[in-house]
Protein backbone atom coordinates (compact mmCIF):
# COMPACT_ATOMS: atom_id res chain seq x y z
CA UNK A 1 -22.16 -23.86 -130.42
CA UNK A 2 -22.46 -20.19 -131.75
CA UNK A 3 -25.82 -20.75 -129.87
CA UNK A 4 -23.79 -20.17 -126.88
CA UNK A 5 -22.51 -16.80 -127.59
CA UNK A 6 -25.99 -15.41 -127.34
CA UNK A 7 -27.78 -15.03 -124.52
CA UNK A 8 -31.16 -16.35 -124.37
CA UNK A 9 -30.99 -18.81 -126.83
CA UNK A 10 -31.50 -22.31 -126.12
CA UNK A 11 -28.29 -24.38 -126.58
CA UNK A 12 -25.49 -25.82 -124.45
CA UNK A 13 -24.29 -23.33 -121.91
CA UNK A 14 -21.18 -25.62 -120.52
CA UNK A 15 -18.87 -28.34 -121.60
CA UNK A 16 -20.92 -30.30 -118.55
CA UNK A 17 -24.07 -30.43 -121.33
CA UNK A 18 -22.30 -32.55 -123.52
CA UNK A 19 -23.33 -36.31 -123.99
CA UNK A 20 -20.18 -38.49 -122.74
CA UNK A 21 -19.05 -40.45 -125.93
CA UNK A 22 -15.67 -42.52 -124.90
CA UNK A 23 -14.16 -44.52 -127.61
CA UNK A 24 -13.11 -48.32 -126.28
CA UNK A 25 -11.00 -51.24 -127.10
CA UNK A 26 -12.02 -53.10 -130.05
CA UNK A 27 -13.96 -56.28 -129.97
CA UNK A 28 -10.73 -59.10 -128.34
CA UNK A 29 -8.72 -56.19 -127.48
CA UNK A 30 -5.25 -54.08 -128.59
CA UNK A 31 -2.85 -55.85 -129.83
CA UNK A 32 0.14 -56.10 -127.57
CA UNK A 33 2.83 -54.01 -127.75
CA UNK A 34 6.34 -54.60 -128.39
CA UNK A 35 8.51 -52.57 -126.20
CA UNK A 36 11.54 -54.95 -125.31
CA UNK A 37 14.29 -54.52 -127.68
CA UNK A 38 15.35 -57.87 -129.52
CA UNK A 39 19.01 -56.94 -131.11
CA UNK A 40 20.31 -59.83 -132.56
CA UNK A 41 23.58 -61.27 -131.38
CA UNK A 42 26.30 -59.96 -134.16
CA UNK A 43 29.35 -61.02 -132.68
CA UNK A 44 31.44 -62.83 -129.75
CA UNK A 45 30.34 -62.16 -126.31
CA UNK A 46 31.64 -60.26 -123.78
CA UNK A 47 33.77 -63.04 -122.13
CA UNK A 48 35.19 -64.56 -125.31
CA UNK A 49 36.51 -61.46 -125.60
CA UNK A 50 38.04 -61.35 -122.33
CA UNK A 51 38.90 -64.45 -122.78
CA UNK A 52 40.77 -63.87 -126.38
CA UNK A 53 42.97 -60.72 -124.71
CA UNK A 54 44.15 -62.42 -121.81
CA UNK A 55 45.27 -65.46 -124.09
CA UNK A 56 46.94 -62.90 -126.34
CA UNK A 57 48.17 -60.71 -123.24
CA UNK A 58 49.98 -64.32 -122.33
CA UNK A 59 51.62 -65.45 -125.59
CA UNK A 60 53.01 -61.52 -125.41
CA UNK A 61 54.62 -62.12 -122.01
CA UNK A 62 56.00 -65.29 -122.64
CA UNK A 63 57.37 -63.48 -125.84
CA UNK A 64 58.90 -60.91 -124.02
CA UNK A 65 60.50 -63.47 -121.50
CA UNK A 66 62.32 -65.16 -124.34
CA UNK A 67 63.59 -62.08 -126.23
CA UNK A 68 64.89 -60.91 -122.45
CA UNK A 69 66.21 -64.45 -122.16
CA UNK A 70 68.41 -63.99 -125.70
CA UNK A 71 69.26 -60.44 -125.16
CA UNK A 72 70.82 -61.54 -121.75
CA UNK A 73 72.65 -64.28 -123.16
CA UNK A 74 74.02 -62.08 -126.06
CA UNK A 75 74.99 -59.41 -123.48
CA UNK A 76 76.63 -62.17 -121.30
CA UNK A 77 78.70 -63.37 -124.53
CA UNK A 78 79.86 -59.63 -124.90
CA UNK A 79 80.76 -59.68 -121.64
CA UNK A 80 82.96 -62.95 -121.35
CA UNK A 81 84.40 -61.55 -124.50
CA UNK A 82 85.51 -58.30 -123.72
CA UNK A 83 86.88 -59.99 -120.32
CA UNK A 84 89.04 -62.38 -122.47
CA UNK A 85 90.14 -60.13 -124.68
CA UNK A 86 91.15 -56.93 -122.30
CA UNK A 87 94.32 -58.21 -120.78
CA UNK A 88 95.42 -58.42 -124.48
CA UNK A 89 94.54 -55.23 -125.19
CA UNK A 90 95.50 -53.46 -122.04
CA UNK A 91 99.18 -54.91 -122.85
CA UNK A 92 99.00 -53.59 -126.11
CA UNK A 93 97.87 -50.18 -125.22
CA UNK A 94 100.57 -49.86 -122.42
CA UNK A 95 103.39 -50.65 -125.01
CA UNK A 96 101.89 -47.83 -126.77
CA UNK A 97 101.65 -45.66 -124.25
CA UNK A 98 105.68 -46.63 -123.03
CA UNK A 99 106.63 -45.91 -126.65
CA UNK A 100 104.93 -42.58 -126.48
CA UNK A 101 106.25 -41.28 -123.10
CA UNK A 102 110.12 -42.19 -124.67
CA UNK A 103 109.22 -40.34 -127.42
CA UNK A 104 107.90 -37.30 -125.23
CA UNK A 105 110.92 -37.48 -123.07
CA UNK A 106 113.43 -37.25 -125.59
CA UNK A 107 111.47 -34.53 -127.07
CA UNK A 108 111.59 -32.81 -123.62
CA UNK A 109 115.16 -33.62 -122.88
CA UNK A 110 116.02 -31.94 -126.40
CA UNK A 111 114.03 -29.11 -125.86
CA UNK A 112 115.11 -28.26 -122.31
CA UNK A 113 118.88 -29.25 -122.75
CA UNK A 114 119.83 -25.71 -122.19
CA UNK A 115 117.75 -24.99 -118.74
CA UNK A 116 119.89 -25.67 -115.78
CA UNK A 117 118.51 -28.03 -113.36
CA UNK A 118 115.96 -29.30 -115.57
CA UNK A 119 115.37 -33.45 -114.85
CA UNK A 120 113.68 -34.56 -117.57
CA UNK A 121 110.96 -37.27 -116.96
CA UNK A 122 110.34 -35.35 -113.38
CA UNK A 123 106.90 -34.49 -112.42
CA UNK A 124 106.01 -30.92 -111.95
CA UNK A 125 103.61 -32.23 -109.31
CA UNK A 126 105.07 -32.31 -105.52
CA UNK A 127 102.69 -35.17 -105.04
CA UNK A 128 103.95 -39.01 -104.30
CA UNK A 129 100.93 -40.70 -105.73
CA UNK A 130 101.35 -41.33 -109.36
CA UNK A 131 98.32 -40.31 -111.35
CA UNK A 132 98.34 -42.10 -115.35
CA UNK A 133 97.55 -38.86 -117.53
CA UNK A 134 94.04 -37.67 -118.71
CA UNK A 135 95.23 -37.13 -122.12
CA UNK A 136 97.54 -38.71 -124.13
CA UNK A 137 101.27 -37.40 -122.78
CA UNK A 138 101.86 -35.88 -126.47
CA UNK A 139 99.01 -34.04 -127.03
CA UNK A 140 99.91 -30.63 -126.26
CA UNK A 141 103.47 -31.09 -127.43
CA UNK A 142 102.15 -31.96 -130.95
CA UNK A 143 100.38 -28.66 -131.36
CA UNK A 144 104.08 -27.20 -130.79
CA UNK A 145 106.16 -29.28 -132.86
CA UNK A 146 107.06 -28.03 -136.04
């Protein structure tokens, strides 16, 4: 196409002067193109996975229910045992408390014998209602005792 660069020389002046040459398909046509995804099935289907998951969860819920029943039975047994033992333990604690209170009253009588008008065992509070001590009776005296 070098002749087109020089004016006045014969040759092709435009692209439109080029002969039309077009490729066509081969005889019988082109082979078909595979465009679909053809991935082989390599595992269980979604429904199978869902079903297996549901079965596993159902089994787990059953086991949790059985375990809850077992723990409730153990707790009930423990409560019944404590309920059966409570009167005995309370009686022992009452006897211990009375012995300890008597010891404390004896020590109070010994310590306060020289104080006129002191009544041993009389409450220092003016209320009528009796309240059990929050701490054992002799806790404060034990720190002072020789």
